[in-house]
Amino acid sequence: MANGYYGQAGTVGASYYLPTIPYDDHRYTFFLYCQQDLIKVKKEMDASQRLRFNTKKFTKKYGLGNPVAANFFALSTEAPEPAEEISESSSESESHDSRPGGLLAFIPN
């Protein structure tokens, strides 16, 4: 990464599959590693082979070390709470929750 990003020049080891609705709450994680050498994968994995993929075993096998970046998201089978309806006639002076949502809530001052 110090010399720039060359992701377009890489070889696809596993195509991106859209997440499916889980039968239970589930989290999806993405890790980014710097690799020293070309990693030759035997074949592209299908969705069923990814279910029990062992990231720790893979990183150890190929000497990838710790990830340089990570991201995740979660899917839930529970329906979200309905949003509170705000009429056009509601006053600006009414109190509303002003806490930041999403990632902003996790950014330190």
PDB file of N, CA and C in Angstrom:
ATOM      1  N   MET A   1       0.811  -1.186   0.000  1.00  0.00           N
ATOM      2  CA  MET A   1       0.000   0.000   0.000  1.00  0.00           C
ATOM      3  C   MET A   1       0.857   1.253   0.000  1.00  0.00           C
ATOM      4  N   ALA A   2       2.091   1.141   0.465  1.00  0.00           N
ATOM      5  CA  ALA A   2       2.962   2.309   0.489  1.00  0.00           C
ATOM      6  C   ALA A   2       3.246   2.805  -0.921  1.00  0.00           C
ATOM      7  N   ASN A   3       3.225   1.905  -1.898  1.00  0.00           N
ATOM      8  CA  ASN A   3       3.498   2.279  -3.278  1.00  0.00           C
ATOM      9  C   ASN A   3       2.226   2.502  -4.089  1.00  0.00           C
ATOM     10  N   GLY A   4       1.100   2.541  -3.425  1.00  0.00           N
ATOM     11  CA  GLY A   4      -0.160   2.762  -4.123  1.00  0.00           C
ATOM     12  C   GLY A   4      -1.021   1.521  -4.142  1.00  0.00           C
ATOM     13  N   TYR A   5      -2.242   1.692  -4.596  1.00  0.00           N
ATOM     14  CA  TYR A   5      -3.206   0.599  -4.649  1.00  0.00           C
ATOM     15  C   TYR A   5      -3.267   0.045  -6.060  1.00  0.00           C
ATOM     16  N   TYR A   6      -3.086  -1.247  -6.186  1.00  0.00           N
ATOM     17  CA  TYR A   6      -3.132  -1.892  -7.492  1.00  0.00           C
ATOM     18  C   TYR A   6      -4.146  -3.033  -7.494  1.00  0.00           C
ATOM     19  N   GLY A   7      -5.284  -2.828  -6.866  1.00  0.00           N
ATOM     20  CA  GLY A   7      -6.303  -3.861  -6.764  1.00  0.00           C
ATOM     21  C   GLY A   7      -6.823  -4.346  -8.104  1.00  0.00           C
ATOM     22  N   GLN A   8      -6.879  -3.476  -9.088  1.00  0.00           N
ATOM     23  CA  GLN A   8      -7.379  -3.854 -10.403  1.00  0.00           C
ATOM     24  C   GLN A   8      -6.458  -4.860 -11.083  1.00  0.00           C
ATOM     25  N   ALA A   9      -5.178  -4.870 -10.724  1.00  0.00           N
ATOM     26  CA  ALA A   9      -4.209  -5.746 -11.364  1.00  0.00           C
ATOM     27  C   ALA A   9      -4.165  -7.122 -10.717  1.00  0.00           C
ATOM     28  N   GLY A  10      -4.925  -7.325  -9.657  1.00  0.00           N
ATOM     29  CA  GLY A  10      -4.885  -8.593  -8.931  1.00  0.00           C
ATOM     30  C   GLY A  10      -5.677  -9.692  -9.616  1.00  0.00           C
ATOM     31  N   THR A  11      -5.540 -10.884  -9.071  1.00  0.00           N
ATOM     32  CA  THR A  11      -6.277 -12.047  -9.541  1.00  0.00           C
ATOM     33  C   THR A  11      -7.427 -12.305  -8.584  1.00  0.00           C
ATOM     34  N   VAL A  12      -8.591 -12.568  -9.116  1.00  0.00           N
ATOM     35  CA  VAL A  12      -9.757 -12.833  -8.276  1.00  0.00           C
ATOM     36  C   VAL A  12      -9.658 -14.252  -7.721  1.00  0.00           C
ATOM     37  N   GLY A  13      -9.613 -14.350  -6.390  1.00  0.00           N
ATOM     38  CA  GLY A  13      -9.595 -15.654  -5.732  1.00  0.00           C
ATOM     39  C   GLY A  13     -10.987 -16.097  -5.357  1.00  0.00           C
ATOM     40  N   ALA A  14     -11.866 -15.147  -5.162  1.00  0.00           N
ATOM     41  CA  ALA A  14     -13.251 -15.447  -4.802  1.00  0.00           C
ATOM     42  C   ALA A  14     -14.106 -14.247  -5.172  1.00  0.00           C
ATOM     43  N   SER A  15     -15.069 -14.458  -6.023  1.00  0.00           N
ATOM     44  CA  SER A  15     -15.967 -13.378  -6.432  1.00  0.00           C
ATOM     45  C   SER A  15     -16.815 -12.928  -5.252  1.00  0.00           C
ATOM     46  N   TYR A  16     -17.305 -11.714  -5.334  1.00  0.00           N
ATOM     47  CA  TYR A  16     -18.164 -11.182  -4.273  1.00  0.00           C
ATOM     48  C   TYR A  16     -19.568 -11.756  -4.426  1.00  0.00           C
ATOM     49  N   TYR A  17     -20.098 -12.281  -3.343  1.00  0.00           N
ATOM     50  CA  TYR A  17     -21.483 -12.739  -3.301  1.00  0.00           C
ATOM     51  C   TYR A  17     -22.265 -11.779  -2.422  1.00  0.00           C
ATOM     52  N   LEU A  18     -23.429 -11.360  -2.885  1.00  0.00           N
ATOM     53  CA  LEU A  18     -24.278 -10.520  -2.049  1.00  0.00           C
ATOM     54  C   LEU A  18     -24.676 -11.299  -0.804  1.00  0.00           C
ATOM     55  N   PRO A  19     -24.789 -10.623   0.323  1.00  0.00           N
ATOM     56  CA  PRO A  19     -25.209 -11.336   1.532  1.00  0.00           C
ATOM     57  C   PRO A  19     -26.648 -11.823   1.395  1.00  0.00           C
ATOM     58  N   THR A  20     -26.897 -12.976   1.973  1.00  0.00           N
ATOM     59  CA  THR A  20     -28.252 -13.516   1.973  1.00  0.00           C
ATOM     60  C   THR A  20     -28.889 -13.236   3.323  1.00  0.00           C
ATOM     61  N   ILE A  21     -30.191 -13.288   3.365  1.00  0.00           N
ATOM     62  CA  ILE A  21     -30.882 -13.069   4.632  1.00  0.00           C
ATOM     63  C   ILE A  21     -30.644 -14.295   5.503  1.00  0.00           C
ATOM     64  N   PRO A  22     -30.032 -14.109   6.643  1.00  0.00           N
ATOM     65  CA  PRO A  22     -29.708 -15.257   7.492  1.00  0.00           C
ATOM     66  C   PRO A  22     -30.935 -15.775   8.229  1.00  0.00           C
ATOM     67  N   TYR A  23     -30.842 -16.998   8.718  1.00  0.00           N
ATOM     68  CA  TYR A  23     -31.923 -17.546   9.536  1.00  0.00           C
ATOM     69  C   TYR A  23     -31.833 -17.012  10.956  1.00  0.00           C
ATOM     70  N   ASP A  24     -30.726 -16.397  11.291  1.00  0.00           N
ATOM     71  CA  ASP A  24     -30.496 -15.818  12.606  1.00  0.00           C
ATOM     72  C   ASP A  24     -29.624 -14.578  12.391  1.00  0.00           C
ATOM     73  N   ASP A  25     -29.413 -13.777  13.417  1.00  0.00           N
ATOM     74  CA  ASP A  25     -28.531 -12.618  13.285  1.00  0.00           C
ATOM     75  C   ASP A  25     -27.161 -13.088  12.806  1.00  0.00           C
ATOM     76  N   HIS A  26     -26.543 -12.305  11.931  1.00  0.00           N
ATOM     77  CA  HIS A  26     -25.267 -12.722  11.349  1.00  0.00           C
ATOM     78  C   HIS A  26     -24.429 -11.492  11.036  1.00  0.00           C
ATOM     79  N   ARG A  27     -23.117 -11.603  11.189  1.00  0.00           N
ATOM     80  CA  ARG A  27     -22.218 -10.509  10.824  1.00  0.00           C
ATOM     81  C   ARG A  27     -21.331 -10.953   9.660  1.00  0.00           C
ATOM     82  N   TYR A  28     -21.040 -10.020   8.804  1.00  0.00           N
ATOM     83  CA  TYR A  28     -20.173 -10.243   7.652  1.00  0.00           C
ATOM     84  C   TYR A  28     -18.933  -9.392   7.865  1.00  0.00           C
ATOM     85  N   THR A  29     -17.769  -9.975   7.689  1.00  0.00           N
ATOM     86  CA  THR A  29     -16.524  -9.248   7.933  1.00  0.00           C
ATOM     87  C   THR A  29     -15.652  -9.236   6.686  1.00  0.00           C
ATOM     88  N   PHE A  30     -14.920  -8.158   6.534  1.00  0.00           N
ATOM     89  CA  PHE A  30     -13.974  -7.988   5.436  1.00  0.00           C
ATOM     90  C   PHE A  30     -12.630  -7.612   6.045  1.00  0.00           C
ATOM     91  N   PHE A  31     -11.565  -8.252   5.600  1.00  0.00           N
ATOM     92  CA  PHE A  31     -10.221  -7.947   6.079  1.00  0.00           C
ATOM     93  C   PHE A  31      -9.339  -7.629   4.883  1.00  0.00           C
ATOM     94  N   LEU A  32      -8.443  -6.673   5.054  1.00  0.00           N
ATOM     95  CA  LEU A  32      -7.482  -6.312   4.019  1.00  0.00           C
ATOM     96  C   LEU A  32      -6.089  -6.600   4.546  1.00  0.00           C
ATOM     97  N   TYR A  33      -5.322  -7.375   3.792  1.00  0.00           N
ATOM     98  CA  TYR A  33      -3.960  -7.743   4.175  1.00  0.00           C
ATOM     99  C   TYR A  33      -2.991  -7.281   3.099  1.00  0.00           C
ATOM    100  N   CYS A  34      -1.780  -6.962   3.505  1.00  0.00           N
ATOM    101  CA  CYS A  34      -0.695  -6.733   2.553  1.00  0.00           C
ATOM    102  C   CYS A  34      -0.020  -8.078   2.337  1.00  0.00           C
ATOM    103  N   GLN A  35       0.196  -8.442   1.096  1.00  0.00           N
ATOM    104  CA  GLN A  35       0.860  -9.710   0.815  1.00  0.00           C
ATOM    105  C   GLN A  35       2.220  -9.442   0.198  1.00  0.00           C
ATOM    106  N   GLN A  36       3.192 -10.253   0.585  1.00  0.00           N
ATOM    107  CA  GLN A  36       4.554 -10.088   0.092  1.00  0.00           C
ATOM    108  C   GLN A  36       4.722 -10.685  -1.304  1.00  0.00           C
ATOM    109  N   ASP A  37       4.077 -11.810  -1.541  1.00  0.00           N
ATOM    110  CA  ASP A  37       4.217 -12.523  -2.808  1.00  0.00           C
ATOM    111  C   ASP A  37       2.838 -12.852  -3.373  1.00  0.00           C
ATOM    112  N   LEU A  38       2.831 -13.276  -4.618  1.00  0.00           N
ATOM    113  CA  LEU A  38       1.599 -13.696  -5.266  1.00  0.00           C
ATOM    114  C   LEU A  38       1.051 -14.940  -4.567  1.00  0.00           C
ATOM    115  N   ILE A  39      -0.215 -14.939  -4.263  1.00  0.00           N
ATOM    116  CA  ILE A  39      -0.870 -16.104  -3.671  1.00  0.00           C
ATOM    117  C   ILE A  39      -1.641 -16.800  -4.787  1.00  0.00           C
ATOM    118  N   LYS A  40      -1.280 -18.039  -5.035  1.00  0.00           N
ATOM    119  CA  LYS A  40      -1.971 -18.812  -6.068  1.00  0.00           C
ATOM    120  C   LYS A  40      -3.041 -19.667  -5.403  1.00  0.00           C
ATOM    121  N   VAL A  41      -4.288 -19.364  -5.713  1.00  0.00           N
ATOM    122  CA  VAL A  41      -5.385 -20.160  -5.177  1.00  0.00           C
ATOM    123  C   VAL A  41      -5.704 -21.269  -6.171  1.00  0.00           C
ATOM    124  N   LYS A  42      -6.090 -22.421  -5.642  1.00  0.00           N
ATOM    125  CA  LYS A  42      -6.331 -23.584  -6.502  1.00  0.00           C
ATOM    126  C   LYS A  42      -7.538 -23.389  -7.407  1.00  0.00           C
ATOM    127  N   LYS A  43      -8.625 -22.887  -6.837  1.00  0.00           N
ATOM    128  CA  LYS A  43      -9.837 -22.643  -7.619  1.00  0.00           C
ATOM    129  C   LYS A  43     -10.691 -21.633  -6.876  1.00  0.00           C
ATOM    130  N   GLU A  44     -11.592 -21.018  -7.600  1.00  0.00           N
ATOM    131  CA  GLU A  44     -12.492 -20.065  -6.959  1.00  0.00           C
ATOM    132  C   GLU A  44     -13.490 -20.829  -6.091  1.00  0.00           C
ATOM    133  N   MET A  45     -13.714 -20.323  -4.886  1.00  0.00           N
ATOM    134  CA  MET A  45     -14.643 -20.973  -3.963  1.00  0.00           C
ATOM    135  C   MET A  45     -16.080 -20.599  -4.301  1.00  0.00           C
ATOM    136  N   ASP A  46     -16.984 -21.536  -4.076  1.00  0.00           N
ATOM    137  CA  ASP A  46     -18.402 -21.213  -4.223  1.00  0.00           C
ATOM    138  C   ASP A  46     -18.960 -20.834  -2.853  1.00  0.00           C
ATOM    139  N   ALA A  47     -20.210 -20.416  -2.823  1.00  0.00           N
ATOM    140  CA  ALA A  47     -20.812 -19.907  -1.585  1.00  0.00           C
ATOM    141  C   ALA A  47     -20.801 -20.939  -0.465  1.00  0.00           C
ATOM    142  N   SER A  48     -21.037 -22.203  -0.769  1.00  0.00           N
ATOM    143  CA  SER A  48     -21.084 -23.219   0.289  1.00  0.00           C
ATOM    144  C   SER A  48     -19.713 -23.442   0.929  1.00  0.00           C
ATOM    145  N   GLN A  49     -18.631 -23.249   0.184  1.00  0.00           N
ATOM    146  CA  GLN A  49     -17.285 -23.428   0.736  1.00  0.00           C
ATOM    147  C   GLN A  49     -16.891 -22.277   1.657  1.00  0.00           C
ATOM    148  N   ARG A  50     -17.569 -21.164   1.547  1.00  0.00           N
ATOM    149  CA  ARG A  50     -17.231 -20.001   2.362  1.00  0.00           C
ATOM    150  C   ARG A  50     -17.841 -20.044   3.757  1.00  0.00           C
ATOM    151  N   LEU A  51     -18.827 -20.891   3.951  1.00  0.00           N
ATOM    152  CA  LEU A  51     -19.543 -20.903   5.222  1.00  0.00           C
ATOM    153  C   LEU A  51     -18.634 -21.145   6.415  1.00  0.00           C
ATOM    154  N   ARG A  52     -17.690 -22.018   6.296  1.00  0.00           N
ATOM    155  CA  ARG A  52     -16.796 -22.352   7.409  1.00  0.00           C
ATOM    156  C   ARG A  52     -15.351 -21.962   7.107  1.00  0.00           C
ATOM    157  N   PHE A  53     -15.166 -20.921   6.295  1.00  0.00           N
ATOM    158  CA  PHE A  53     -13.813 -20.480   5.940  1.00  0.00           C
ATOM    159  C   PHE A  53     -13.081 -20.027   7.193  1.00  0.00           C
ATOM    160  N   ASN A  54     -11.857 -20.507   7.361  1.00  0.00           N
ATOM    161  CA  ASN A  54     -11.065 -20.194   8.542  1.00  0.00           C
ATOM    162  C   ASN A  54     -10.030 -19.124   8.180  1.00  0.00           C
ATOM    163  N   THR A  55     -10.322 -17.883   8.523  1.00  0.00           N
ATOM    164  CA  THR A  55      -9.437 -16.768   8.193  1.00  0.00           C
ATOM    165  C   THR A  55      -8.080 -16.906   8.865  1.00  0.00           C
ATOM    166  N   LYS A  56      -8.060 -17.316  10.132  1.00  0.00           N
ATOM    167  CA  LYS A  56      -6.783 -17.469  10.849  1.00  0.00           C
ATOM    168  C   LYS A  56      -5.888 -18.494  10.176  1.00  0.00           C
ATOM    169  N   LYS A  57      -6.463 -19.611   9.763  1.00  0.00           N
ATOM    170  CA  LYS A  57      -5.685 -20.661   9.103  1.00  0.00           C
ATOM    171  C   LYS A  57      -5.137 -20.161   7.759  1.00  0.00           C
ATOM    172  N   PHE A  58      -5.963 -19.432   7.010  1.00  0.00           N
ATOM    173  CA  PHE A  58      -5.558 -18.904   5.713  1.00  0.00           C
ATOM    174  C   PHE A  58      -4.415 -17.905   5.862  1.00  0.00           C
ATOM    175  N   THR A  59      -4.535 -16.967   6.814  1.00  0.00           N
ATOM    176  CA  THR A  59      -3.486 -15.954   6.989  1.00  0.00           C
ATOM    177  C   THR A  59      -2.185 -16.585   7.467  1.00  0.00           C
ATOM    178  N   LYS A  60      -2.271 -17.612   8.295  1.00  0.00           N
ATOM    179  CA  LYS A  60      -1.059 -18.304   8.755  1.00  0.00           C
ATOM    180  C   LYS A  60      -0.407 -19.059   7.599  1.00  0.00           C
ATOM    181  N   LYS A  61      -1.208 -19.760   6.807  1.00  0.00           N
ATOM    182  CA  LYS A  61      -0.691 -20.540   5.676  1.00  0.00           C
ATOM    183  C   LYS A  61       0.078 -19.664   4.696  1.00  0.00           C
ATOM    184  N   TYR A  62      -0.415 -18.454   4.443  1.00  0.00           N
ATOM    185  CA  TYR A  62       0.204 -17.573   3.455  1.00  0.00           C
ATOM    186  C   TYR A  62       1.038 -16.450   4.074  1.00  0.00           C
ATOM    187  N   GLY A  63       1.269 -16.497   5.382  1.00  0.00           N
ATOM    188  CA  GLY A  63       2.124 -15.517   6.046  1.00  0.00           C
ATOM    189  C   GLY A  63       1.657 -14.080   5.885  1.00  0.00           C
ATOM    190  N   LEU A  64       0.374 -13.843   6.024  1.00  0.00           N
ATOM    191  CA  LEU A  64      -0.166 -12.502   5.798  1.00  0.00           C
ATOM    192  C   LEU A  64      -0.054 -11.578   7.002  1.00  0.00           C
ATOM    193  N   GLY A  65       0.161 -12.125   8.186  1.00  0.00           N
ATOM    194  CA  GLY A  65       0.263 -11.278   9.370  1.00  0.00           C
ATOM    195  C   GLY A  65      -1.087 -10.704   9.755  1.00  0.00           C
ATOM    196  N   ASN A  66      -1.055  -9.542  10.382  1.00  0.00           N
ATOM    197  CA  ASN A  66      -2.285  -8.891  10.831  1.00  0.00           C
ATOM    198  C   ASN A  66      -2.923  -8.090   9.703  1.00  0.00           C
ATOM    199  N   PRO A  67      -4.239  -7.941   9.725  1.00  0.00           N
ATOM    200  CA  PRO A  67      -4.889  -7.128   8.697  1.00  0.00           C
ATOM    201  C   PRO A  67      -4.507  -5.657   8.852  1.00  0.00           C
ATOM    202  N   VAL A  68      -4.467  -4.949   7.728  1.00  0.00           N
ATOM    203  CA  VAL A  68      -4.180  -3.512   7.761  1.00  0.00           C
ATOM    204  C   VAL A  68      -5.473  -2.707   7.811  1.00  0.00           C
ATOM    205  N   ALA A  69      -6.587  -3.356   7.511  1.00  0.00           N
ATOM    206  CA  ALA A  69      -7.899  -2.710   7.592  1.00  0.00           C
ATOM    207  C   ALA A  69      -8.961  -3.790   7.732  1.00  0.00           C
ATOM    208  N   ALA A  70     -10.085  -3.398   8.297  1.00  0.00           N
ATOM    209  CA  ALA A  70     -11.204  -4.332   8.446  1.00  0.00           C
ATOM    210  C   ALA A  70     -12.505  -3.545   8.439  1.00  0.00           C
ATOM    211  N   ASN A  71     -13.563  -4.218   8.060  1.00  0.00           N
ATOM    212  CA  ASN A  71     -14.889  -3.623   8.087  1.00  0.00           C
ATOM    213  C   ASN A  71     -15.890  -4.741   8.321  1.00  0.00           C
ATOM    214  N   PHE A  72     -17.048  -4.408   8.803  1.00  0.00           N
ATOM    215  CA  PHE A  72     -18.075  -5.420   9.010  1.00  0.00           C
ATOM    216  C   PHE A  72     -19.453  -4.780   8.934  1.00  0.00           C
ATOM    217  N   PHE A  73     -20.443  -5.610   8.739  1.00  0.00           N
ATOM    218  CA  PHE A  73     -21.826  -5.185   8.890  1.00  0.00           C
ATOM    219  C   PHE A  73     -22.614  -6.377   9.397  1.00  0.00           C
ATOM    220  N   ALA A  74     -23.754  -6.099   9.967  1.00  0.00           N
ATOM    221  CA  ALA A  74     -24.579  -7.154  10.545  1.00  0.00           C
ATOM    222  C   ALA A  74     -25.963  -7.138   9.919  1.00  0.00           C
ATOM    223  N   LEU A  75     -26.518  -8.322   9.756  1.00  0.00           N
ATOM    224  CA  LEU A  75     -27.893  -8.464   9.301  1.00  0.00           C
ATOM    225  C   LEU A  75     -28.684  -9.140  10.404  1.00  0.00           C
ATOM    226  N   SER A  76     -29.906  -8.707  10.550  1.00  0.00           N
ATOM    227  CA  SER A  76     -30.761  -9.260  11.589  1.00  0.00           C
ATOM    228  C   SER A  76     -32.068  -9.734  10.977  1.00  0.00           C
ATOM    229  N   THR A  77     -32.632 -10.760  11.559  1.00  0.00           N
ATOM    230  CA  THR A  77     -33.920 -11.256  11.090  1.00  0.00           C
ATOM    231  C   THR A  77     -35.077 -10.507  11.731  1.00  0.00           C
ATOM    232  N   GLU A  78     -34.782  -9.682  12.732  1.00  0.00           N
ATOM    233  CA  GLU A  78     -35.831  -8.914  13.398  1.00  0.00           C
ATOM    234  C   GLU A  78     -36.176  -7.678  12.580  1.00  0.00           C
ATOM    235  N   ALA A  79     -37.456  -7.359  12.523  1.00  0.00           N
ATOM    236  CA  ALA A  79     -37.898  -6.160  11.816  1.00  0.00           C
ATOM    237  C   ALA A  79     -37.505  -4.935  12.629  1.00  0.00           C
ATOM    238  N   PRO A  80     -37.084  -3.859  11.961  1.00  0.00           N
ATOM    239  CA  PRO A  80     -36.725  -2.643  12.700  1.00  0.00           C
ATOM    240  C   PRO A  80     -37.965  -1.984  13.307  1.00  0.00           C
ATOM    241  N   GLU A  81     -37.734  -1.177  14.323  1.00  0.00           N
ATOM    242  CA  GLU A  81     -38.822  -0.404  14.932  1.00  0.00           C
ATOM    243  C   GLU A  81     -39.330   0.593  13.893  1.00  0.00           C
ATOM    244  N   PRO A  82     -40.650   0.789  13.792  1.00  0.00           N
ATOM    245  CA  PRO A  82     -41.153   1.782  12.839  1.00  0.00           C
ATOM    246  C   PRO A  82     -40.692   3.184  13.234  1.00  0.00           C
ATOM    247  N   ALA A  83     -40.380   3.973  12.231  1.00  0.00           N
ATOM    248  CA  ALA A  83     -39.935   5.344  12.482  1.00  0.00           C
ATOM    249  C   ALA A  83     -41.107   6.180  12.974  1.00  0.00           C
ATOM    250  N   GLU A  84     -40.804   7.124  13.851  1.00  0.00           N
ATOM    251  CA  GLU A  84     -41.838   8.019  14.359  1.00  0.00           C
ATOM    252  C   GLU A  84     -42.202   8.997  13.252  1.00  0.00           C
ATOM    253  N   GLU A  85     -43.485   9.139  13.005  1.00  0.00           N
ATOM    254  CA  GLU A  85     -43.926  10.070  11.973  1.00  0.00           C
ATOM    255  C   GLU A  85     -43.881  11.486  12.513  1.00  0.00           C
ATOM    256  N   ILE A  86     -43.353  12.396  11.721  1.00  0.00           N
ATOM    257  CA  ILE A  86     -43.287  13.802  12.100  1.00  0.00           C
ATOM    258  C   ILE A  86     -44.138  14.571  11.106  1.00  0.00           C
ATOM    259  N   SER A  87     -45.159  15.217  11.607  1.00  0.00           N
ATOM    260  CA  SER A  87     -46.053  15.956  10.718  1.00  0.00           C
ATOM    261  C   SER A  87     -45.412  17.282  10.330  1.00  0.00           C
ATOM    262  N   GLU A  88     -45.884  17.832   9.227  1.00  0.00           N
ATOM    263  CA  GLU A  88     -45.354  19.112   8.761  1.00  0.00           C
ATOM    264  C   GLU A  88     -45.667  20.230   9.734  1.00  0.00           C
ATOM    265  N   SER A  89     -46.693  20.052  10.545  1.00  0.00           N
ATOM    266  CA  SER A  89     -47.089  21.108  11.471  1.00  0.00           C
ATOM    267  C   SER A  89     -46.320  21.052  12.786  1.00  0.00           C
ATOM    268  N   SER A  90     -45.430  20.074  12.946  1.00  0.00           N
ATOM    269  CA  SER A  90     -44.712  19.988  14.221  1.00  0.00           C
ATOM    270  C   SER A  90     -43.774  21.172  14.383  1.00  0.00           C
ATOM    271  N   SER A  91     -43.700  21.633  15.589  1.00  0.00           N
ATOM    272  CA  SER A  91     -42.932  22.830  15.913  1.00  0.00           C
ATOM    273  C   SER A  91     -41.442  22.527  15.957  1.00  0.00           C
ATOM    274  N   GLU A  92     -40.637  23.508  15.572  1.00  0.00           N
ATOM    275  CA  GLU A  92     -39.189  23.371  15.661  1.00  0.00           C
ATOM    276  C   GLU A  92     -38.729  23.299  17.108  1.00  0.00           C
ATOM    277  N   SER A  93     -39.547  23.817  18.028  1.00  0.00           N
ATOM    278  CA  SER A  93     -39.145  23.839  19.434  1.00  0.00           C
ATOM    279  C   SER A  93     -39.356  22.493  20.129  1.00  0.00           C
ATOM    280  N   GLU A  94     -40.047  21.548  19.458  1.00  0.00           N
ATOM    281  CA  GLU A  94     -40.228  20.233  20.068  1.00  0.00           C
ATOM    282  C   GLU A  94     -38.871  19.562  20.224  1.00  0.00           C
ATOM    283  N   SER A  95     -38.737  18.806  21.297  1.00  0.00           N
ATOM    284  CA  SER A  95     -37.447  18.149  21.511  1.00  0.00           C
ATOM    285  C   SER A  95     -37.349  16.905  20.637  1.00  0.00           C
ATOM    286  N   HIS A  96     -36.220  16.755  20.012  1.00  0.00           N
ATOM    287  CA  HIS A  96     -35.920  15.588  19.186  1.00  0.00           C
ATOM    288  C   HIS A  96     -34.585  15.033  19.646  1.00  0.00           C
ATOM    289  N   ASP A  97     -34.400  13.763  19.450  1.00  0.00           N
ATOM    290  CA  ASP A  97     -33.126  13.138  19.789  1.00  0.00           C
ATOM    291  C   ASP A  97     -32.068  13.688  18.838  1.00  0.00           C
ATOM    292  N   SER A  98     -31.048  14.331  19.382  1.00  0.00           N
ATOM    293  CA  SER A  98     -30.024  14.943  18.532  1.00  0.00           C
ATOM    294  C   SER A  98     -28.712  14.173  18.546  1.00  0.00           C
ATOM    295  N   ARG A  99     -28.729  12.938  19.097  1.00  0.00           N
ATOM    296  CA  ARG A  99     -27.493  12.154  19.094  1.00  0.00           C
ATOM    297  C   ARG A  99     -27.142  11.753  17.673  1.00  0.00           C
ATOM    298  N   PRO A 100     -25.861  11.747  17.340  1.00  0.00           N
ATOM    299  CA  PRO A 100     -25.481  11.323  15.992  1.00  0.00           C
ATOM    300  C   PRO A 100     -25.740   9.833  15.817  1.00  0.00           C
ATOM    301  N   GLY A 101     -26.046   9.432  14.609  1.00  0.00           N
ATOM    302  CA  GLY A 101     -26.283   8.022  14.339  1.00  0.00           C
ATOM    303  C   GLY A 101     -25.175   7.438  13.491  1.00  0.00           C
ATOM    304  N   GLY A 102     -25.209   6.148  13.313  1.00  0.00           N
ATOM    305  CA  GLY A 102     -24.235   5.472  12.465  1.00  0.00           C
ATOM    306  C   GLY A 102     -22.825   5.596  12.998  1.00  0.00           C
ATOM    307  N   LEU A 103     -21.881   5.706  12.084  1.00  0.00           N
ATOM    308  CA  LEU A 103     -20.473   5.741  12.461  1.00  0.00           C
ATOM    309  C   LEU A 103     -20.089   6.983  13.247  1.00  0.00           C
ATOM    310  N   LEU A 104     -20.815   8.071  13.049  1.00  0.00           N
ATOM    311  CA  LEU A 104     -20.466   9.297  13.759  1.00  0.00           C
ATOM    312  C   LEU A 104     -20.496   9.108  15.266  1.00  0.00           C
ATOM    313  N   ALA A 105     -21.331   8.204  15.746  1.00  0.00           N
ATOM    314  CA  ALA A 105     -21.432   7.974  17.184  1.00  0.00           C
ATOM    315  C   ALA A 105     -20.160   7.356  17.756  1.00  0.00           C
ATOM    316  N   PHE A 106     -19.310   6.809  16.895  1.00  0.00           N
ATOM    317  CA  PHE A 106     -18.106   6.133  17.357  1.00  0.00           C
ATOM    318  C   PHE A 106     -16.838   6.950  17.146  1.00  0.00           C
ATOM    319  N   ILE A 107     -16.953   8.132  16.594  1.00  0.00           N
ATOM    320  CA  ILE A 107     -15.776   8.963  16.345  1.00  0.00           C
ATOM    321  C   ILE A 107     -15.447   9.737  17.610  1.00  0.00           C
ATOM    322  N   PRO A 108     -14.237   9.541  18.168  1.00  0.00           N
ATOM    323  CA  PRO A 108     -13.883  10.254  19.406  1.00  0.00           C
ATOM    324  C   PRO A 108     -13.659  11.737  19.142  1.00  0.00           C
ATOM    325  N   ASN A 109     -13.852  12.550  20.190  1.00  0.00           N
ATOM    326  CA  ASN A 109     -13.631  14.004  20.068  1.00  0.00           C
ATOM    327  C   ASN A 109     -12.163  14.334  20.068  1.00  0.00           C
TER     328      ASN A 109
END
